[in-house]
């Protein structure tokens, strides 16, 4: 989360969408990441699924680069 805060506090970088990938995340931590400007959280998976998921997320961001609502923040592989 420190890296996210650094990115979002930097004038040159703050508009870059941030996608987080991890094996697990608690609701409190997810809320903090979202409030600090992260766009999406994706549960870590194997490389092939990760590649497909990132491609789909990038397509979603190309259509709408704004941070989604909180209920759209945490994605599963079925959603992307």
N, C-alpha and C. Protein backbone atom coordinates (compact mmCIF):
# COMPACT_ATOMS: atom_id res chain seq x y z
N UNK A 1 0.82 -1.20 0.00
CA UNK A 1 0.00 0.00 0.00
C UNK A 1 0.86 1.27 0.00
N UNK A 2 2.10 1.17 0.47
CA UNK A 2 2.99 2.34 0.45
C UNK A 2 3.29 2.75 -0.98
N UNK A 3 3.49 1.78 -1.85
CA UNK A 3 3.76 2.07 -3.26
C UNK A 3 2.55 2.76 -3.90
N UNK A 4 1.36 2.28 -3.60
CA UNK A 4 0.13 2.89 -4.11
C UNK A 4 0.04 4.34 -3.68
N UNK A 5 0.31 4.62 -2.43
CA UNK A 5 0.24 5.99 -1.90
C UNK A 5 1.27 6.87 -2.60
N UNK A 6 2.47 6.35 -2.81
CA UNK A 6 3.50 7.11 -3.52
C UNK A 6 3.05 7.45 -4.95
N UNK A 7 2.48 6.48 -5.63
CA UNK A 7 2.00 6.71 -7.00
C UNK A 7 0.90 7.76 -7.01
N UNK A 8 -0.07 7.64 -6.13
CA UNK A 8 -1.22 8.54 -6.13
C UNK A 8 -0.88 9.94 -5.60
N UNK A 9 0.22 10.08 -4.88
CA UNK A 9 0.65 11.41 -4.42
C UNK A 9 1.59 12.10 -5.39
N UNK A 10 1.97 11.41 -6.46
CA UNK A 10 2.87 11.98 -7.45
C UNK A 10 2.05 12.58 -8.59
N UNK A 11 2.22 13.87 -8.85
CA UNK A 11 1.44 14.57 -9.88
C UNK A 11 1.57 13.92 -11.25
N UNK A 12 2.74 13.41 -11.57
CA UNK A 12 2.97 12.81 -12.89
C UNK A 12 2.39 11.41 -13.01
N UNK A 13 2.18 10.75 -11.90
CA UNK A 13 1.75 9.35 -11.91
C UNK A 13 0.32 9.11 -11.45
N UNK A 14 -0.28 10.06 -10.75
CA UNK A 14 -1.53 9.80 -10.04
C UNK A 14 -2.70 9.39 -10.93
N UNK A 15 -2.64 9.70 -12.22
CA UNK A 15 -3.73 9.32 -13.12
C UNK A 15 -3.61 7.88 -13.65
N UNK A 16 -2.49 7.23 -13.36
CA UNK A 16 -2.29 5.86 -13.82
C UNK A 16 -3.17 4.91 -13.01
N UNK A 17 -4.00 4.11 -13.69
CA UNK A 17 -4.80 3.12 -12.96
C UNK A 17 -3.90 2.08 -12.30
N UNK A 18 -4.20 1.73 -11.07
CA UNK A 18 -3.41 0.75 -10.33
C UNK A 18 -4.24 -0.51 -10.15
N UNK A 19 -3.68 -1.64 -10.57
CA UNK A 19 -4.32 -2.94 -10.42
C UNK A 19 -3.46 -3.75 -9.46
N UNK A 20 -4.05 -4.24 -8.40
CA UNK A 20 -3.30 -5.02 -7.41
C UNK A 20 -3.61 -6.50 -7.58
N UNK A 21 -2.60 -7.31 -7.39
CA UNK A 21 -2.75 -8.75 -7.51
C UNK A 21 -2.09 -9.39 -6.29
N UNK A 22 -2.84 -10.24 -5.58
CA UNK A 22 -2.33 -10.88 -4.39
C UNK A 22 -3.07 -12.18 -4.15
N UNK A 23 -2.54 -13.01 -3.26
CA UNK A 23 -3.19 -14.28 -2.96
C UNK A 23 -4.36 -14.12 -2.01
N UNK A 24 -4.33 -13.11 -1.18
CA UNK A 24 -5.45 -12.88 -0.26
C UNK A 24 -5.46 -11.43 0.19
N UNK A 25 -6.63 -10.99 0.57
CA UNK A 25 -6.77 -9.61 1.02
C UNK A 25 -7.99 -9.55 1.94
N UNK A 26 -7.84 -8.87 3.07
CA UNK A 26 -8.95 -8.68 3.98
C UNK A 26 -9.77 -7.46 3.60
N UNK A 27 -11.00 -7.41 4.09
CA UNK A 27 -11.88 -6.29 3.76
C UNK A 27 -11.31 -4.94 4.19
N UNK A 28 -10.70 -4.88 5.39
CA UNK A 28 -10.14 -3.61 5.85
C UNK A 28 -9.01 -3.14 4.95
N UNK A 29 -8.14 -4.07 4.56
CA UNK A 29 -7.04 -3.72 3.68
C UNK A 29 -7.56 -3.34 2.29
N UNK A 30 -8.54 -4.08 1.79
CA UNK A 30 -9.15 -3.77 0.49
C UNK A 30 -9.77 -2.38 0.52
N UNK A 31 -10.46 -2.05 1.59
CA UNK A 31 -11.06 -0.72 1.71
C UNK A 31 -9.99 0.37 1.70
N UNK A 32 -8.89 0.14 2.40
CA UNK A 32 -7.81 1.13 2.43
C UNK A 32 -7.19 1.30 1.05
N UNK A 33 -6.97 0.21 0.35
CA UNK A 33 -6.42 0.29 -1.00
C UNK A 33 -7.36 1.06 -1.93
N UNK A 34 -8.63 0.74 -1.85
CA UNK A 34 -9.61 1.42 -2.69
C UNK A 34 -9.65 2.92 -2.37
N UNK A 35 -9.69 3.25 -1.09
CA UNK A 35 -9.74 4.66 -0.67
C UNK A 35 -8.48 5.41 -1.08
N UNK A 36 -7.36 4.71 -1.21
CA UNK A 36 -6.11 5.34 -1.63
C UNK A 36 -5.97 5.40 -3.15
N UNK A 37 -7.01 4.97 -3.89
CA UNK A 37 -7.04 5.17 -5.33
C UNK A 37 -6.79 3.98 -6.22
N UNK A 38 -6.65 2.78 -5.66
CA UNK A 38 -6.48 1.60 -6.51
C UNK A 38 -7.74 1.39 -7.35
N UNK A 39 -7.56 0.93 -8.56
CA UNK A 39 -8.69 0.70 -9.45
C UNK A 39 -9.28 -0.69 -9.28
N UNK A 40 -8.43 -1.71 -9.26
CA UNK A 40 -8.92 -3.08 -9.16
C UNK A 40 -7.99 -3.93 -8.30
N UNK A 41 -8.58 -4.95 -7.70
CA UNK A 41 -7.84 -6.00 -7.00
C UNK A 41 -8.20 -7.31 -7.70
N UNK A 42 -7.20 -8.07 -8.06
CA UNK A 42 -7.39 -9.36 -8.71
C UNK A 42 -6.70 -10.42 -7.89
N UNK A 43 -7.43 -11.49 -7.59
CA UNK A 43 -6.84 -12.59 -6.84
C UNK A 43 -5.77 -13.25 -7.70
N UNK A 44 -4.60 -13.49 -7.11
CA UNK A 44 -3.46 -14.07 -7.84
C UNK A 44 -3.82 -15.47 -8.34
N UNK A 45 -3.40 -15.75 -9.57
CA UNK A 45 -3.70 -17.03 -10.20
C UNK A 45 -2.48 -17.45 -11.03
N UNK A 46 -2.61 -18.52 -11.81
CA UNK A 46 -1.47 -18.95 -12.62
C UNK A 46 -1.22 -17.93 -13.73
N UNK A 47 -0.05 -18.03 -14.36
CA UNK A 47 0.39 -17.02 -15.31
C UNK A 47 -0.57 -16.87 -16.49
N UNK A 48 -1.06 -17.98 -17.04
CA UNK A 48 -1.95 -17.90 -18.20
C UNK A 48 -3.24 -17.16 -17.85
N UNK A 49 -3.84 -17.49 -16.70
CA UNK A 49 -5.06 -16.80 -16.28
C UNK A 49 -4.78 -15.34 -15.93
N UNK A 50 -3.63 -15.09 -15.33
CA UNK A 50 -3.26 -13.72 -14.98
C UNK A 50 -3.14 -12.87 -16.24
N UNK A 51 -2.50 -13.41 -17.27
CA UNK A 51 -2.34 -12.69 -18.53
C UNK A 51 -3.70 -12.36 -19.15
N UNK A 52 -4.60 -13.33 -19.18
CA UNK A 52 -5.95 -13.11 -19.73
C UNK A 52 -6.70 -12.06 -18.90
N UNK A 53 -6.59 -12.16 -17.59
CA UNK A 53 -7.29 -11.24 -16.70
C UNK A 53 -6.79 -9.81 -16.88
N UNK A 54 -5.49 -9.63 -16.97
CA UNK A 54 -4.93 -8.29 -17.15
C UNK A 54 -5.37 -7.71 -18.48
N UNK A 55 -5.39 -8.52 -19.53
CA UNK A 55 -5.86 -8.04 -20.83
C UNK A 55 -7.31 -7.56 -20.75
N UNK A 56 -8.15 -8.31 -20.06
CA UNK A 56 -9.56 -7.92 -19.93
C UNK A 56 -9.71 -6.66 -19.08
N UNK A 57 -8.92 -6.55 -18.01
CA UNK A 57 -8.97 -5.36 -17.17
C UNK A 57 -8.52 -4.14 -17.96
N UNK A 58 -7.47 -4.29 -18.75
CA UNK A 58 -7.00 -3.17 -19.57
C UNK A 58 -8.06 -2.75 -20.58
N UNK A 59 -8.81 -3.69 -21.11
CA UNK A 59 -9.91 -3.36 -22.02
C UNK A 59 -10.99 -2.58 -21.27
N UNK A 60 -11.31 -3.02 -20.05
CA UNK A 60 -12.31 -2.29 -19.24
C UNK A 60 -11.82 -0.88 -18.95
N UNK A 61 -10.55 -0.72 -18.63
CA UNK A 61 -10.00 0.60 -18.33
C UNK A 61 -9.97 1.49 -19.58
N UNK A 62 -9.76 0.89 -20.75
CA UNK A 62 -9.77 1.67 -21.98
C UNK A 62 -11.16 2.25 -22.24
N UNK A 63 -12.19 1.50 -21.87
CA UNK A 63 -13.57 1.97 -22.04
C UNK A 63 -13.94 3.01 -20.99
N UNK A 64 -13.43 2.83 -19.78
CA UNK A 64 -13.74 3.76 -18.69
C UNK A 64 -12.56 3.78 -17.72
N UNK A 65 -11.68 4.80 -17.82
CA UNK A 65 -10.48 4.84 -16.99
C UNK A 65 -10.73 5.30 -15.54
N UNK A 66 -11.93 5.71 -15.23
CA UNK A 66 -12.23 6.17 -13.87
C UNK A 66 -12.23 5.00 -12.90
N UNK A 67 -11.93 5.31 -11.63
CA UNK A 67 -11.99 4.27 -10.60
C UNK A 67 -13.43 3.77 -10.50
N UNK A 68 -13.65 2.46 -10.56
CA UNK A 68 -15.01 1.93 -10.47
C UNK A 68 -15.57 2.09 -9.06
N UNK A 69 -16.83 1.79 -8.91
CA UNK A 69 -17.43 1.81 -7.57
C UNK A 69 -16.79 0.72 -6.72
N UNK A 70 -16.86 0.84 -5.41
CA UNK A 70 -16.20 -0.09 -4.49
C UNK A 70 -16.66 -1.53 -4.73
N UNK A 71 -17.92 -1.73 -5.08
CA UNK A 71 -18.41 -3.09 -5.28
C UNK A 71 -17.83 -3.74 -6.54
N UNK A 72 -17.19 -2.98 -7.40
CA UNK A 72 -16.56 -3.50 -8.61
C UNK A 72 -15.04 -3.61 -8.46
N UNK A 73 -14.51 -3.28 -7.29
CA UNK A 73 -13.06 -3.23 -7.04
C UNK A 73 -12.41 -4.61 -7.02
N UNK A 74 -13.01 -5.55 -6.33
CA UNK A 74 -12.41 -6.89 -6.19
C UNK A 74 -12.99 -7.79 -7.27
N UNK A 75 -12.12 -8.29 -8.14
CA UNK A 75 -12.53 -9.10 -9.27
C UNK A 75 -12.11 -10.54 -9.08
N UNK A 76 -12.97 -11.44 -9.54
CA UNK A 76 -12.59 -12.84 -9.61
C UNK A 76 -12.37 -13.17 -11.09
N UNK A 77 -11.79 -14.29 -11.38
CA UNK A 77 -11.53 -14.65 -12.77
C UNK A 77 -12.82 -14.78 -13.56
N UNK A 78 -13.93 -15.14 -12.91
CA UNK A 78 -15.20 -15.26 -13.60
C UNK A 78 -15.73 -13.91 -14.05
N UNK A 79 -15.33 -12.83 -13.37
CA UNK A 79 -15.84 -11.50 -13.70
C UNK A 79 -15.07 -10.81 -14.81
N UNK A 80 -13.83 -11.22 -15.02
CA UNK A 80 -13.02 -10.55 -16.04
C UNK A 80 -12.93 -11.37 -17.31
